[in-house]
Amino acid sequence: MDAPAPMATPAAPVAAEAVVGQAAPDFTLTDVSGVSHTLSAYKGKTVVLEWFNPDCPFVKYAHGQGGPLVGLPKTWIDQGVVWLAINSGAEGKQGAGKERNTAAVAEYGMVNPVLIDADGAVGRRYAAKTTPHMFIVDAQGVLVYDGALDNAPLGKVEAEPRQDHVVAALTALVAGQPVAQGRTQPYGCSVKY
């Protein structure tokens, strides 16, 4: 008697909007250096999407001296994670535009690309509400995290103990474990659509 054929693992359904547990909506955006990035091209790697506005006080703190994002992207990039910052600010709005974001890369010593989403289409599809608003896509292209960087806006812990949500999710993924908390409430400045 023949052994039963192995069952295929069904692909995650593709969402029109970003939903934890479903395939992350694909997009193509260009970074401040003119390089095009397509999310699906990173399949096989974990991808962090960080909504970014260089002039938002929460982003300034996070990327500034001693902030939680100082060195964090590099730590994970060195482990094979792709880290993409996305600015969905409309032309003329706070922190928007290629010139301002190019300067921010140098100002904050960023090692990851900053992608420009000037019409806000990608930000709206992901329902990005704040800067920073963090999303993590696993190696299979499934959105596994949507929310805050941590539970300490501007370094003030909201509830003990301090929880670094993005670090916890990435640590789980690298260890081959599921993300324990897939959704938290993001904080920061509103995205300037």
C-alpha atoms as a PDB file:
ATOM      1  CA  MET A   1       0.000   0.000   0.000  1.00  0.00           C
ATOM      2  CA  ASP A   2       1.348   3.405  -0.933  1.00  0.00           C
ATOM      3  CA  ALA A   3       2.022   5.960   1.786  1.00  0.00           C
ATOM      4  CA  PRO A   4      -0.378   8.894   1.709  1.00  0.00           C
ATOM      5  CA  ALA A   5       0.927  11.905  -0.145  1.00  0.00           C
ATOM      6  CA  PRO A   6       2.155  14.668   2.147  1.00  0.00           C
ATOM      7  CA  MET A   7      -0.305  17.489   2.518  1.00  0.00           C
ATOM      8  CA  ALA A   8       0.784  20.840   1.196  1.00  0.00           C
ATOM      9  CA  THR A   9       0.809  23.720   3.624  1.00  0.00           C
ATOM     10  CA  PRO A  10      -1.725  26.243   2.356  1.00  0.00           C
ATOM     11  CA  ALA A  11      -0.355  29.649   1.513  1.00  0.00           C
ATOM     12  CA  ALA A  12      -1.451  32.501   3.725  1.00  0.00           C
ATOM     13  CA  PRO A  13      -4.241  34.483   2.069  1.00  0.00           C
ATOM     14  CA  VAL A  14      -3.095  37.739   0.515  1.00  0.00           C
ATOM     15  CA  ALA A  15      -4.690  40.668   2.293  1.00  0.00           C
ATOM     16  CA  ALA A  16      -5.775  43.878   0.584  1.00  0.00           C
ATOM     17  CA  GLU A  17      -4.756  45.533   3.833  1.00  0.00           C
ATOM     18  CA  ALA A  18      -2.170  44.432   6.357  1.00  0.00           C
ATOM     19  CA  VAL A  19      -3.574  41.900   8.829  1.00  0.00           C
ATOM     20  CA  VAL A  20      -1.482  39.916  11.303  1.00  0.00           C
ATOM     21  CA  GLY A  21      -1.495  36.256  10.284  1.00  0.00           C
ATOM     22  CA  GLN A  22      -2.042  36.979   6.590  1.00  0.00           C
ATOM     23  CA  ALA A  23       0.356  37.588   3.724  1.00  0.00           C
ATOM     24  CA  ALA A  24       1.779  41.088   3.967  1.00  0.00           C
ATOM     25  CA  PRO A  25       0.621  43.361   1.142  1.00  0.00           C
ATOM     26  CA  ASP A  26       3.361  43.670  -1.451  1.00  0.00           C
ATOM     27  CA  PHE A  27       4.718  47.045  -2.470  1.00  0.00           C
ATOM     28  CA  THR A  28       7.548  48.676  -4.355  1.00  0.00           C
ATOM     29  CA  LEU A  29       9.050  51.943  -3.118  1.00  0.00           C
ATOM     30  CA  THR A  30      12.251  53.823  -3.878  1.00  0.00           C
ATOM     31  CA  ASP A  31      14.668  54.814  -1.142  1.00  0.00           C
ATOM     32  CA  VAL A  32      16.428  58.166  -0.777  1.00  0.00           C
ATOM     33  CA  SER A  33      19.421  56.793  -2.722  1.00  0.00           C
ATOM     34  CA  GLY A  34      17.244  55.911  -5.723  1.00  0.00           C
ATOM     35  CA  VAL A  35      17.218  52.147  -5.087  1.00  0.00           C
ATOM     36  CA  SER A  36      13.897  50.349  -5.617  1.00  0.00           C
ATOM     37  CA  HIS A  37      12.704  47.915  -2.921  1.00  0.00           C
ATOM     38  CA  THR A  38       9.931  45.358  -3.468  1.00  0.00           C
ATOM     39  CA  LEU A  39       8.743  43.574  -0.328  1.00  0.00           C
ATOM     40  CA  SER A  40       8.218  40.228  -2.095  1.00  0.00           C
ATOM     41  CA  ALA A  41      11.850  40.291  -3.270  1.00  0.00           C
ATOM     42  CA  TYR A  42      12.829  39.757   0.376  1.00  0.00           C
ATOM     43  CA  LYS A  43      10.836  36.525   0.732  1.00  0.00           C
ATOM     44  CA  GLY A  44      12.958  34.077   2.687  1.00  0.00           C
ATOM     45  CA  LYS A  45      14.083  36.826   5.066  1.00  0.00           C
ATOM     46  CA  THR A  46      12.439  38.492   8.028  1.00  0.00           C
ATOM     47  CA  VAL A  47      11.584  42.121   7.227  1.00  0.00           C
ATOM     48  CA  VAL A  48      11.014  44.987   9.666  1.00  0.00           C
ATOM     49  CA  LEU A  49       8.978  47.940   8.394  1.00  0.00           C
ATOM     50  CA  GLU A  50       9.450  51.060  10.512  1.00  0.00           C
ATOM     51  CA  TRP A  51       7.186  54.019   9.750  1.00  0.00           C
ATOM     52  CA  PHE A  52       9.470  57.022   9.973  1.00  0.00           C
ATOM     53  CA  ASN A  53       9.326  60.820  10.241  1.00  0.00           C
ATOM     54  CA  PRO A  54      12.715  62.350  11.095  1.00  0.00           C
ATOM     55  CA  ASP A  55      11.109  65.414  12.686  1.00  0.00           C
ATOM     56  CA  CYS A  56       8.683  63.594  14.993  1.00  0.00           C
ATOM     57  CA  PRO A  57       9.819  63.896  18.648  1.00  0.00           C
ATOM     58  CA  PHE A  58       9.214  60.158  19.209  1.00  0.00           C
ATOM     59  CA  VAL A  59      11.419  59.266  16.227  1.00  0.00           C
ATOM     60  CA  LYS A  60      14.050  61.811  17.272  1.00  0.00           C
ATOM     61  CA  TYR A  61      14.161  60.199  20.711  1.00  0.00           C
ATOM     62  CA  ALA A  62      14.208  56.629  19.354  1.00  0.00           C
ATOM     63  CA  HIS A  63      17.017  57.354  16.890  1.00  0.00           C
ATOM     64  CA  GLY A  64      18.818  59.897  19.073  1.00  0.00           C
ATOM     65  CA  GLN A  65      21.604  59.393  21.547  1.00  0.00           C
ATOM     66  CA  GLY A  66      20.687  56.495  23.811  1.00  0.00           C
ATOM     67  CA  GLY A  67      17.308  55.865  22.161  1.00  0.00           C
ATOM     68  CA  PRO A  68      16.040  52.325  21.567  1.00  0.00           C
ATOM     69  CA  LEU A  69      16.705  52.422  17.802  1.00  0.00           C
ATOM     70  CA  VAL A  70      20.352  53.446  18.137  1.00  0.00           C
ATOM     71  CA  GLY A  71      22.189  50.379  16.871  1.00  0.00           C
ATOM     72  CA  LEU A  72      19.106  48.134  16.888  1.00  0.00           C
ATOM     73  CA  PRO A  73      18.623  47.932  13.110  1.00  0.00           C
ATOM     74  CA  LYS A  74      22.324  47.079  12.606  1.00  0.00           C
ATOM     75  CA  THR A  75      22.158  44.340  15.251  1.00  0.00           C
ATOM     76  CA  TRP A  76      19.357  42.618  13.352  1.00  0.00           C
ATOM     77  CA  ILE A  77      20.656  43.399   9.856  1.00  0.00           C
ATOM     78  CA  ASP A  78      23.870  41.621  10.890  1.00  0.00           C
ATOM     79  CA  GLN A  79      21.690  38.568  11.633  1.00  0.00           C
ATOM     80  CA  GLY A  80      20.105  38.610   8.166  1.00  0.00           C
ATOM     81  CA  VAL A  81      16.987  40.673   8.921  1.00  0.00           C
ATOM     82  CA  VAL A  82      15.967  43.331   6.385  1.00  0.00           C
ATOM     83  CA  TRP A  83      15.091  46.672   8.036  1.00  0.00           C
ATOM     84  CA  LEU A  84      13.227  49.259   5.961  1.00  0.00           C
ATOM     85  CA  ALA A  85      12.144  52.670   7.242  1.00  0.00           C
ATOM     86  CA  ILE A  86       9.196  54.147   5.333  1.00  0.00           C
ATOM     87  CA  ASN A  87       8.176  57.796   5.279  1.00  0.00           C
ATOM     88  CA  SER A  88       4.563  58.203   4.125  1.00  0.00           C
ATOM     89  CA  GLY A  89       4.511  61.963   4.680  1.00  0.00           C
ATOM     90  CA  ALA A  90       2.866  64.035   1.960  1.00  0.00           C
ATOM     91  CA  GLU A  91       4.803  66.767   0.191  1.00  0.00           C
ATOM     92  CA  GLY A  92       5.035  69.871   2.359  1.00  0.00           C
ATOM     93  CA  LYS A  93       4.290  67.988   5.589  1.00  0.00           C
ATOM     94  CA  GLN A  94       6.601  67.636   8.592  1.00  0.00           C
ATOM     95  CA  GLY A  95       9.609  65.407   7.879  1.00  0.00           C
ATOM     96  CA  ALA A  96       8.574  64.582   4.309  1.00  0.00           C
ATOM     97  CA  GLY A  97      10.619  64.482   1.142  1.00  0.00           C
ATOM     98  CA  LYS A  98      13.774  62.937  -0.215  1.00  0.00           C
ATOM     99  CA  GLU A  99      16.061  65.808   0.820  1.00  0.00           C
ATOM    100  CA  ARG A 100      14.985  65.825   4.484  1.00  0.00           C
ATOM    101  CA  ASN A 101      15.139  62.046   4.757  1.00  0.00           C
ATOM    102  CA  THR A 102      18.550  61.864   3.079  1.00  0.00           C
ATOM    103  CA  ALA A 103      19.817  64.288   5.724  1.00  0.00           C
ATOM    104  CA  ALA A 104      18.173  62.186   8.457  1.00  0.00           C
ATOM    105  CA  VAL A 105      20.063  59.062   7.374  1.00  0.00           C
ATOM    106  CA  ALA A 106      23.328  60.900   8.079  1.00  0.00           C
ATOM    107  CA  GLU A 107      21.986  62.740  11.138  1.00  0.00           C
ATOM    108  CA  TYR A 108      20.872  59.532  12.859  1.00  0.00           C
ATOM    109  CA  GLY A 109      23.666  57.309  11.492  1.00  0.00           C
ATOM    110  CA  MET A 110      21.108  54.984   9.932  1.00  0.00           C
ATOM    111  CA  VAL A 111      22.409  51.820   8.264  1.00  0.00           C
ATOM    112  CA  ASN A 112      19.049  50.875   6.754  1.00  0.00           C
ATOM    113  CA  PRO A 113      17.324  52.464   3.767  1.00  0.00           C
ATOM    114  CA  VAL A 114      14.582  55.070   4.104  1.00  0.00           C
ATOM    115  CA  LEU A 115      11.853  54.544   1.502  1.00  0.00           C
ATOM    116  CA  ILE A 116       9.647  57.385   0.304  1.00  0.00           C
ATOM    117  CA  ASP A 117       5.876  56.769   0.092  1.00  0.00           C
ATOM    118  CA  ALA A 118       4.900  60.340  -0.841  1.00  0.00           C
ATOM    119  CA  ASP A 119       1.323  59.509  -1.846  1.00  0.00           C
ATOM    120  CA  GLY A 120       0.825  57.472   1.330  1.00  0.00           C
ATOM    121  CA  ALA A 121      -0.569  54.458  -0.537  1.00  0.00           C
ATOM    122  CA  VAL A 122       1.633  51.920   1.255  1.00  0.00           C
ATOM    123  CA  GLY A 123       1.123  53.548   4.642  1.00  0.00           C
ATOM    124  CA  ARG A 124      -2.646  53.484   4.188  1.00  0.00           C
ATOM    125  CA  ARG A 125      -2.592  49.862   3.039  1.00  0.00           C
ATOM    126  CA  TYR A 126      -0.717  48.955   6.215  1.00  0.00           C
ATOM    127  CA  ALA A 127      -2.905  51.338   8.274  1.00  0.00           C
ATOM    128  CA  ALA A 128       0.277  52.913   9.638  1.00  0.00           C
ATOM    129  CA  LYS A 129      -0.936  55.356  12.254  1.00  0.00           C
ATOM    130  CA  THR A 130       2.156  56.696  13.978  1.00  0.00           C
ATOM    131  CA  THR A 131       5.868  57.242  13.711  1.00  0.00           C
ATOM    132  CA  PRO A 132       7.307  54.952  14.717  1.00  0.00           C
ATOM    133  CA  HIS A 133       4.758  52.252  13.869  1.00  0.00           C
ATOM    134  CA  MET A 134       6.445  48.883  13.488  1.00  0.00           C
ATOM    135  CA  PHE A 135       5.501  45.886  11.347  1.00  0.00           C
ATOM    136  CA  ILE A 136       7.355  42.581  11.014  1.00  0.00           C
ATOM    137  CA  VAL A 137       6.980  40.202   8.075  1.00  0.00           C
ATOM    138  CA  ASP A 138       8.323  36.669   8.504  1.00  0.00           C
ATOM    139  CA  ALA A 139      10.413  34.731   5.981  1.00  0.00           C
ATOM    140  CA  GLN A 140       7.239  33.277   4.409  1.00  0.00           C
ATOM    141  CA  GLY A 141       5.876  36.773   3.745  1.00  0.00           C
ATOM    142  CA  VAL A 142       3.287  36.690   6.532  1.00  0.00           C
ATOM    143  CA  LEU A 143       2.710  39.733   8.725  1.00  0.00           C
ATOM    144  CA  VAL A 144       3.477  38.574  12.275  1.00  0.00           C
ATOM    145  CA  TYR A 145       3.679  41.860  14.197  1.00  0.00           C
ATOM    146  CA  ASP A 146       1.897  45.221  14.048  1.00  0.00           C
ATOM    147  CA  GLY A 147       2.391  47.811  16.767  1.00  0.00           C
ATOM    148  CA  ALA A 148       4.725  49.729  19.012  1.00  0.00           C
ATOM    149  CA  LEU A 149       8.494  49.506  19.233  1.00  0.00           C
ATOM    150  CA  ASP A 150       8.226  48.987  22.993  1.00  0.00           C
ATOM    151  CA  ASN A 151       6.108  50.017  25.962  1.00  0.00           C
ATOM    152  CA  ALA A 152       8.238  53.056  26.749  1.00  0.00           C
ATOM    153  CA  PRO A 153       7.284  56.136  24.687  1.00  0.00           C
ATOM    154  CA  LEU A 154      10.081  58.692  24.990  1.00  0.00           C
ATOM    155  CA  GLY A 155      11.799  56.316  27.431  1.00  0.00           C
ATOM    156  CA  LYS A 156       8.950  56.370  29.966  1.00  0.00           C
ATOM    157  CA  VAL A 157       7.878  52.807  30.744  1.00  0.00           C
ATOM    158  CA  GLU A 158       4.073  52.602  30.668  1.00  0.00           C
ATOM    159  CA  ALA A 159       3.847  49.366  32.642  1.00  0.00           C
ATOM    160  CA  GLU A 160       6.582  47.393  34.344  1.00  0.00           C
ATOM    161  CA  PRO A 161       8.480  45.518  33.215  1.00  0.00           C
ATOM    162  CA  ARG A 162       9.846  47.260  30.135  1.00  0.00           C
ATOM    163  CA  GLN A 163       8.874  45.313  27.037  1.00  0.00           C
ATOM    164  CA  ASP A 164      10.781  45.647  23.788  1.00  0.00           C
ATOM    165  CA  HIS A 165       8.071  44.288  21.500  1.00  0.00           C
ATOM    166  CA  VAL A 166      10.099  44.336  18.269  1.00  0.00           C
ATOM    167  CA  VAL A 167      13.137  42.723  19.903  1.00  0.00           C
ATOM    168  CA  ALA A 168      10.930  40.005  21.427  1.00  0.00           C
ATOM    169  CA  ALA A 169       9.290  39.263  18.077  1.00  0.00           C
ATOM    170  CA  LEU A 170      12.596  39.165  16.186  1.00  0.00           C
ATOM    171  CA  THR A 171      14.204  36.983  18.863  1.00  0.00           C
ATOM    172  CA  ALA A 172      11.345  34.497  18.549  1.00  0.00           C
ATOM    173  CA  LEU A 173      11.536  34.429  14.745  1.00  0.00           C
ATOM    174  CA  VAL A 174      15.316  33.912  14.696  1.00  0.00           C
ATOM    175  CA  ALA A 175      14.840  31.018  17.156  1.00  0.00           C
ATOM    176  CA  GLY A 176      12.186  29.466  14.898  1.00  0.00           C
ATOM    177  CA  GLN A 177       9.425  30.221  17.395  1.00  0.00           C
ATOM    178  CA  PRO A 178       6.085  31.952  16.826  1.00  0.00           C
ATOM    179  CA  VAL A 179       5.699  35.582  17.827  1.00  0.00           C
ATOM    180  CA  ALA A 180       3.906  35.585  21.197  1.00  0.00           C
ATOM    181  CA  GLN A 181       2.318  39.026  20.891  1.00  0.00           C
ATOM    182  CA  GLY A 182       1.361  39.912  17.323  1.00  0.00           C
ATOM    183  CA  ARG A 183      -0.384  43.192  18.024  1.00  0.00           C
ATOM    184  CA  THR A 184       0.257  46.118  20.365  1.00  0.00           C
ATOM    185  CA  GLN A 185      -0.968  49.709  20.370  1.00  0.00           C
ATOM    186  CA  PRO A 186       1.473  51.932  18.430  1.00  0.00           C
ATOM    187  CA  TYR A 187       2.454  55.311  19.842  1.00  0.00           C
ATOM    188  CA  GLY A 188       4.103  58.412  18.408  1.00  0.00           C
ATOM    189  CA  CYS A 189       3.264  61.250  16.050  1.00  0.00           C
ATOM    190  CA  SER A 190       0.482  60.718  13.540  1.00  0.00           C
ATOM    191  CA  VAL A 191       1.641  59.781  10.044  1.00  0.00           C
ATOM    192  CA  LYS A 192       1.490  63.010   8.008  1.00  0.00           C
ATOM    193  CA  TYR A 193      -0.572  61.762   5.034  1.00  0.00           C
END
